């Protein structure tokens, strides 16, 4: 088995580290005190703290997005497709199972040669599965993906802002 060695160079050491204090000028940031500025004071010589804005947490951002009308619309479009499609497929599947157990004479009726109603219905189950998968993918592509992607980008921007502050 071949071993992979760690690659040295620009790619390995050039990864930026997110430092939340990077944009805040603070005395003694590098471990040394700045000349003429006492510890615990600001550059003006007065004691105090830097006023900070309240930054929402990631959980608060996700809850805000979840309550947004855009998210509710994407979720509604998903549910308006998935619930009826699931219900219809389950009814079709259960009808096949019930017919196979309750009406064996009907299911054994020949359609063409050795092919009977049960075989046609069973193949119909496979065909229905493929059609439903195609319809779901098409519905997602045409009605939900763009809006969901916009929500994703907005959420990432909001969480990125919360992390960088």
C-alpha atoms as a PDB file:
ATOM      1  CA  UNK A   1       0.000   0.000   0.000  1.00  0.00           C
ATOM      2  CA  UNK A   2       1.296   3.405  -0.940  1.00  0.00           C
ATOM      3  CA  UNK A   3       1.776   6.030   1.756  1.00  0.00           C
ATOM      4  CA  UNK A   4       0.876   9.632   1.178  1.00  0.00           C
ATOM      5  CA  UNK A   5       3.290  12.176   2.573  1.00  0.00           C
ATOM      6  CA  UNK A   6       2.222  15.548   3.864  1.00  0.00           C
ATOM      7  CA  UNK A   7       2.900  18.168   1.261  1.00  0.00           C
ATOM      8  CA  UNK A   8       4.891  21.189   2.333  1.00  0.00           C
ATOM      9  CA  UNK A   9       4.652  24.582   0.715  1.00  0.00           C
ATOM     10  CA  UNK A  10       2.306  27.482   0.137  1.00  0.00           C
ATOM     11  CA  UNK A  11      -0.895  25.436   0.129  1.00  0.00           C
ATOM     12  CA  UNK A  12      -0.308  23.948   3.565  1.00  0.00           C
ATOM     13  CA  UNK A  13       0.820  27.087   5.389  1.00  0.00           C
ATOM     14  CA  UNK A  14      -1.192  29.723   3.518  1.00  0.00           C
ATOM     15  CA  UNK A  15      -4.539  28.688   4.989  1.00  0.00           C
ATOM     16  CA  UNK A  16      -5.933  31.794   6.649  1.00  0.00           C
ATOM     17  CA  UNK A  17      -6.896  31.459  10.276  1.00  0.00           C
ATOM     18  CA  UNK A  18     -10.113  33.205  11.258  1.00  0.00           C
ATOM     19  CA  UNK A  19      -9.063  35.466  14.097  1.00  0.00           C
ATOM     20  CA  UNK A  20     -12.102  37.220  15.599  1.00  0.00           C
ATOM     21  CA  UNK A  21      -9.837  39.939  17.023  1.00  0.00           C
ATOM     22  CA  UNK A  22      -8.035  40.601  13.752  1.00  0.00           C
ATOM     23  CA  UNK A  23      -9.893  43.840  12.988  1.00  0.00           C
ATOM     24  CA  UNK A  24      -9.867  45.136  16.573  1.00  0.00           C
ATOM     25  CA  UNK A  25      -6.796  47.208  17.465  1.00  0.00           C
ATOM     26  CA  UNK A  26      -5.913  46.178  20.992  1.00  0.00           C
ATOM     27  CA  UNK A  27      -2.866  47.101  23.076  1.00  0.00           C
ATOM     28  CA  UNK A  28      -0.664  44.158  23.834  1.00  0.00           C
ATOM     29  CA  UNK A  29      -2.258  41.938  21.214  1.00  0.00           C
ATOM     30  CA  UNK A  30       1.025  40.238  20.428  1.00  0.00           C
ATOM     31  CA  UNK A  31       1.920  39.806  24.088  1.00  0.00           C
ATOM     32  CA  UNK A  32       3.848  43.062  24.380  1.00  0.00           C
ATOM     33  CA  UNK A  33       2.375  46.241  25.811  1.00  0.00           C
ATOM     34  CA  UNK A  34       2.349  49.273  23.566  1.00  0.00           C
ATOM     35  CA  UNK A  35       4.555  52.081  24.805  1.00  0.00           C
ATOM     36  CA  UNK A  36       2.638  54.823  26.649  1.00  0.00           C
ATOM     37  CA  UNK A  37      -0.588  52.801  27.022  1.00  0.00           C
ATOM     38  CA  UNK A  38      -1.379  51.157  30.326  1.00  0.00           C
ATOM     39  CA  UNK A  39      -3.050  47.793  30.446  1.00  0.00           C
ATOM     40  CA  UNK A  40      -6.840  48.040  30.692  1.00  0.00           C
ATOM     41  CA  UNK A  41      -7.042  51.459  29.068  1.00  0.00           C
ATOM     42  CA  UNK A  42      -7.884  52.588  25.613  1.00  0.00           C
ATOM     43  CA  UNK A  43      -5.626  54.729  23.483  1.00  0.00           C
ATOM     44  CA  UNK A  44      -7.119  57.894  25.023  1.00  0.00           C
ATOM     45  CA  UNK A  45      -5.886  56.962  28.486  1.00  0.00           C
ATOM     46  CA  UNK A  46      -9.313  56.382  30.008  1.00  0.00           C
ATOM     47  CA  UNK A  47     -10.342  53.140  31.602  1.00  0.00           C
ATOM     48  CA  UNK A  48     -13.180  51.260  29.943  1.00  0.00           C
ATOM     49  CA  UNK A  49     -14.184  48.603  27.545  1.00  0.00           C
ATOM     50  CA  UNK A  50     -14.773  48.670  23.846  1.00  0.00           C
ATOM     51  CA  UNK A  51     -18.532  48.760  23.226  1.00  0.00           C
ATOM     52  CA  UNK A  52     -19.575  45.701  21.286  1.00  0.00           C
ATOM     53  CA  UNK A  53     -22.624  45.118  19.180  1.00  0.00           C
ATOM     54  CA  UNK A  54     -24.638  42.056  20.014  1.00  0.00           C
ATOM     55  CA  UNK A  55     -23.876  39.412  17.407  1.00  0.00           C
ATOM     56  CA  UNK A  56     -26.609  36.813  16.880  1.00  0.00           C
ATOM     57  CA  UNK A  57     -25.602  33.208  17.344  1.00  0.00           C
ATOM     58  CA  UNK A  58     -25.831  30.672  14.549  1.00  0.00           C
ATOM     59  CA  UNK A  59     -28.902  29.135  16.203  1.00  0.00           C
ATOM     60  CA  UNK A  60     -30.664  32.511  16.244  1.00  0.00           C
ATOM     61  CA  UNK A  61     -29.771  33.068  12.592  1.00  0.00           C
ATOM     62  CA  UNK A  62     -31.155  29.664  11.583  1.00  0.00           C
ATOM     63  CA  UNK A  63     -34.355  30.297  13.555  1.00  0.00           C
ATOM     64  CA  UNK A  64     -34.712  33.675  11.819  1.00  0.00           C
ATOM     65  CA  UNK A  65     -34.263  32.028   8.421  1.00  0.00           C
ATOM     66  CA  UNK A  66     -36.741  29.293   9.350  1.00  0.00           C
ATOM     67  CA  UNK A  67     -39.367  31.928  10.171  1.00  0.00           C
ATOM     68  CA  UNK A  68     -38.755  33.880   6.963  1.00  0.00           C
ATOM     69  CA  UNK A  69     -41.413  33.913   4.216  1.00  0.00           C
ATOM     70  CA  UNK A  70     -38.871  32.654   1.644  1.00  0.00           C
ATOM     71  CA  UNK A  71     -38.128  29.543   3.726  1.00  0.00           C
ATOM     72  CA  UNK A  72     -41.825  28.946   4.356  1.00  0.00           C
ATOM     73  CA  UNK A  73     -42.477  29.153   0.601  1.00  0.00           C
ATOM     74  CA  UNK A  74     -39.739  26.602  -0.206  1.00  0.00           C
ATOM     75  CA  UNK A  75     -40.998  24.327   2.532  1.00  0.00           C
ATOM     76  CA  UNK A  76     -44.590  24.689   1.334  1.00  0.00           C
ATOM     77  CA  UNK A  77     -43.642  23.816  -2.241  1.00  0.00           C
ATOM     78  CA  UNK A  78     -41.825  20.736  -0.984  1.00  0.00           C
ATOM     79  CA  UNK A  79     -44.782  19.595   1.099  1.00  0.00           C
ATOM     80  CA  UNK A  80     -47.336  20.280  -1.653  1.00  0.00           C
ATOM     81  CA  UNK A  81     -45.460  17.812  -3.859  1.00  0.00           C
ATOM     82  CA  UNK A  82     -44.178  15.197  -1.427  1.00  0.00           C
ATOM     83  CA  UNK A  83     -47.277  14.532   0.676  1.00  0.00           C
ATOM     84  CA  UNK A  84     -49.693  13.861  -2.219  1.00  0.00           C
ATOM     85  CA  UNK A  85     -47.065  11.896  -4.153  1.00  0.00           C
ATOM     86  CA  UNK A  86     -46.254   9.748  -1.125  1.00  0.00           C
ATOM     87  CA  UNK A  87     -49.931   9.170  -0.415  1.00  0.00           C
ATOM     88  CA  UNK A  88     -50.651   8.201  -4.037  1.00  0.00           C
ATOM     89  CA  UNK A  89     -47.688   5.834  -4.194  1.00  0.00           C
ATOM     90  CA  UNK A  90     -48.608   4.148  -0.898  1.00  0.00           C
ATOM     91  CA  UNK A  91     -52.214   3.680  -2.053  1.00  0.00           C
ATOM     92  CA  UNK A  92     -50.948   2.174  -5.331  1.00  0.00           C
ATOM     93  CA  UNK A  93     -48.558  -0.135  -3.456  1.00  0.00           C
ATOM     94  CA  UNK A  94     -51.173  -1.233  -0.920  1.00  0.00           C
ATOM     95  CA  UNK A  95     -53.719  -1.807  -3.702  1.00  0.00           C
ATOM     96  CA  UNK A  96     -51.229  -4.162  -5.335  1.00  0.00           C
ATOM     97  CA  UNK A  97     -50.613  -6.056  -2.100  1.00  0.00           C
ATOM     98  CA  UNK A  98     -54.313  -6.246  -1.218  1.00  0.00           C
ATOM     99  CA  UNK A  99     -55.219  -7.380  -4.735  1.00  0.00           C
ATOM    100  CA  UNK A 100     -52.519 -10.046  -4.623  1.00  0.00           C
ATOM    101  CA  UNK A 101     -53.874 -11.450  -1.344  1.00  0.00           C
ATOM    102  CA  UNK A 102     -57.611 -10.807  -1.711  1.00  0.00           C
ATOM    103  CA  UNK A 103     -58.098 -11.501  -5.430  1.00  0.00           C
ATOM    104  CA  UNK A 104     -55.608 -14.162  -6.499  1.00  0.00           C
ATOM    105  CA  UNK A 105     -57.859 -15.174  -9.401  1.00  0.00           C
ATOM    106  CA  UNK A 106     -57.748 -11.649 -10.841  1.00  0.00           C
ATOM    107  CA  UNK A 107     -53.989 -11.410 -10.419  1.00  0.00           C
ATOM    108  CA  UNK A 108     -53.480 -14.826 -12.063  1.00  0.00           C
ATOM    109  CA  UNK A 109     -55.485 -13.874 -15.157  1.00  0.00           C
ATOM    110  CA  UNK A 110     -53.189 -14.078 -18.215  1.00  0.00           C
ATOM    111  CA  UNK A 111     -52.550 -10.907 -20.209  1.00  0.00           C
ATOM    112  CA  UNK A 112     -50.228 -12.149 -22.938  1.00  0.00           C
ATOM    113  CA  UNK A 113     -48.810 -15.662 -22.921  1.00  0.00           C
ATOM    114  CA  UNK A 114     -47.200 -16.390 -19.545  1.00  0.00           C
ATOM    115  CA  UNK A 115     -47.498 -12.765 -18.435  1.00  0.00           C
ATOM    116  CA  UNK A 116     -50.370 -12.262 -15.993  1.00  0.00           C
ATOM    117  CA  UNK A 117     -51.973  -9.234 -14.276  1.00  0.00           C
ATOM    118  CA  UNK A 118     -49.725  -9.599 -11.192  1.00  0.00           C
ATOM    119  CA  UNK A 119     -46.567  -9.377 -13.323  1.00  0.00           C
ATOM    120  CA  UNK A 120     -47.845  -6.308 -15.165  1.00  0.00           C
ATOM    121  CA  UNK A 121     -48.810  -4.629 -11.886  1.00  0.00           C
ATOM    122  CA  UNK A 122     -45.417  -5.524 -10.336  1.00  0.00           C
ATOM    123  CA  UNK A 123     -43.588  -4.017 -13.298  1.00  0.00           C
ATOM    124  CA  UNK A 124     -45.911  -1.033 -12.938  1.00  0.00           C
ATOM    125  CA  UNK A 125     -44.593  -0.620  -9.399  1.00  0.00           C
ATOM    126  CA  UNK A 126     -41.048  -0.313 -10.733  1.00  0.00           C
ATOM    127  CA  UNK A 127     -42.147   2.064 -13.472  1.00  0.00           C
ATOM    128  CA  UNK A 128     -44.051   4.188 -10.957  1.00  0.00           C
ATOM    129  CA  UNK A 129     -40.961   4.396  -8.748  1.00  0.00           C
ATOM    130  CA  UNK A 130     -38.832   5.681 -11.625  1.00  0.00           C
ATOM    131  CA  UNK A 131     -41.511   8.128 -12.762  1.00  0.00           C
ATOM    132  CA  UNK A 132     -41.968   9.447  -9.243  1.00  0.00           C
ATOM    133  CA  UNK A 133     -38.216   9.926  -8.855  1.00  0.00           C
ATOM    134  CA  UNK A 134     -38.067  11.802 -12.166  1.00  0.00           C
ATOM    135  CA  UNK A 135     -41.064  13.962 -11.207  1.00  0.00           C
ATOM    136  CA  UNK A 136     -39.531  14.788  -7.817  1.00  0.00           C
ATOM    137  CA  UNK A 137     -36.185  15.787  -9.350  1.00  0.00           C
ATOM    138  CA  UNK A 138     -37.946  17.916 -11.980  1.00  0.00           C
ATOM    139  CA  UNK A 139     -40.161  19.589  -9.386  1.00  0.00           C
ATOM    140  CA  UNK A 140     -37.155  20.336  -7.177  1.00  0.00           C
ATOM    141  CA  UNK A 141     -35.172  21.755 -10.088  1.00  0.00           C
ATOM    142  CA  UNK A 142     -37.976  23.956 -11.401  1.00  0.00           C
ATOM    143  CA  UNK A 143     -39.726  25.048  -8.210  1.00  0.00           C
ATOM    144  CA  UNK A 144     -37.396  24.821  -5.209  1.00  0.00           C
ATOM    145  CA  UNK A 145     -33.683  24.638  -5.969  1.00  0.00           C
ATOM    146  CA  UNK A 146     -33.117  28.281  -6.918  1.00  0.00           C
ATOM    147  CA  UNK A 147     -34.996  29.640  -3.894  1.00  0.00           C
ATOM    148  CA  UNK A 148     -33.325  27.124  -1.577  1.00  0.00           C
ATOM    149  CA  UNK A 149     -29.896  28.058  -2.933  1.00  0.00           C
ATOM    150  CA  UNK A 150     -30.593  31.750  -2.350  1.00  0.00           C
ATOM    151  CA  UNK A 151     -31.641  30.949   1.227  1.00  0.00           C
ATOM    152  CA  UNK A 152     -28.456  28.936   1.680  1.00  0.00           C
ATOM    153  CA  UNK A 153     -26.269  31.789   0.444  1.00  0.00           C
ATOM    154  CA  UNK A 154     -28.093  34.314   2.641  1.00  0.00           C
ATOM    155  CA  UNK A 155     -27.735  32.053   5.672  1.00  0.00           C
ATOM    156  CA  UNK A 156     -24.033  31.510   5.016  1.00  0.00           C
ATOM    157  CA  UNK A 157     -23.486  35.254   4.703  1.00  0.00           C
ATOM    158  CA  UNK A 158     -25.305  35.894   7.971  1.00  0.00           C
ATOM    159  CA  UNK A 159     -23.405  33.170   9.827  1.00  0.00           C
ATOM    160  CA  UNK A 160     -20.106  34.294   8.308  1.00  0.00           C
ATOM    161  CA  UNK A 161     -20.789  37.797   9.635  1.00  0.00           C
ATOM    162  CA  UNK A 162     -21.569  36.364  13.074  1.00  0.00           C
ATOM    163  CA  UNK A 163     -18.323  34.360  13.151  1.00  0.00           C
ATOM    164  CA  UNK A 164     -16.072  37.157  11.903  1.00  0.00           C
ATOM    165  CA  UNK A 165     -17.217  39.717  14.473  1.00  0.00           C
END
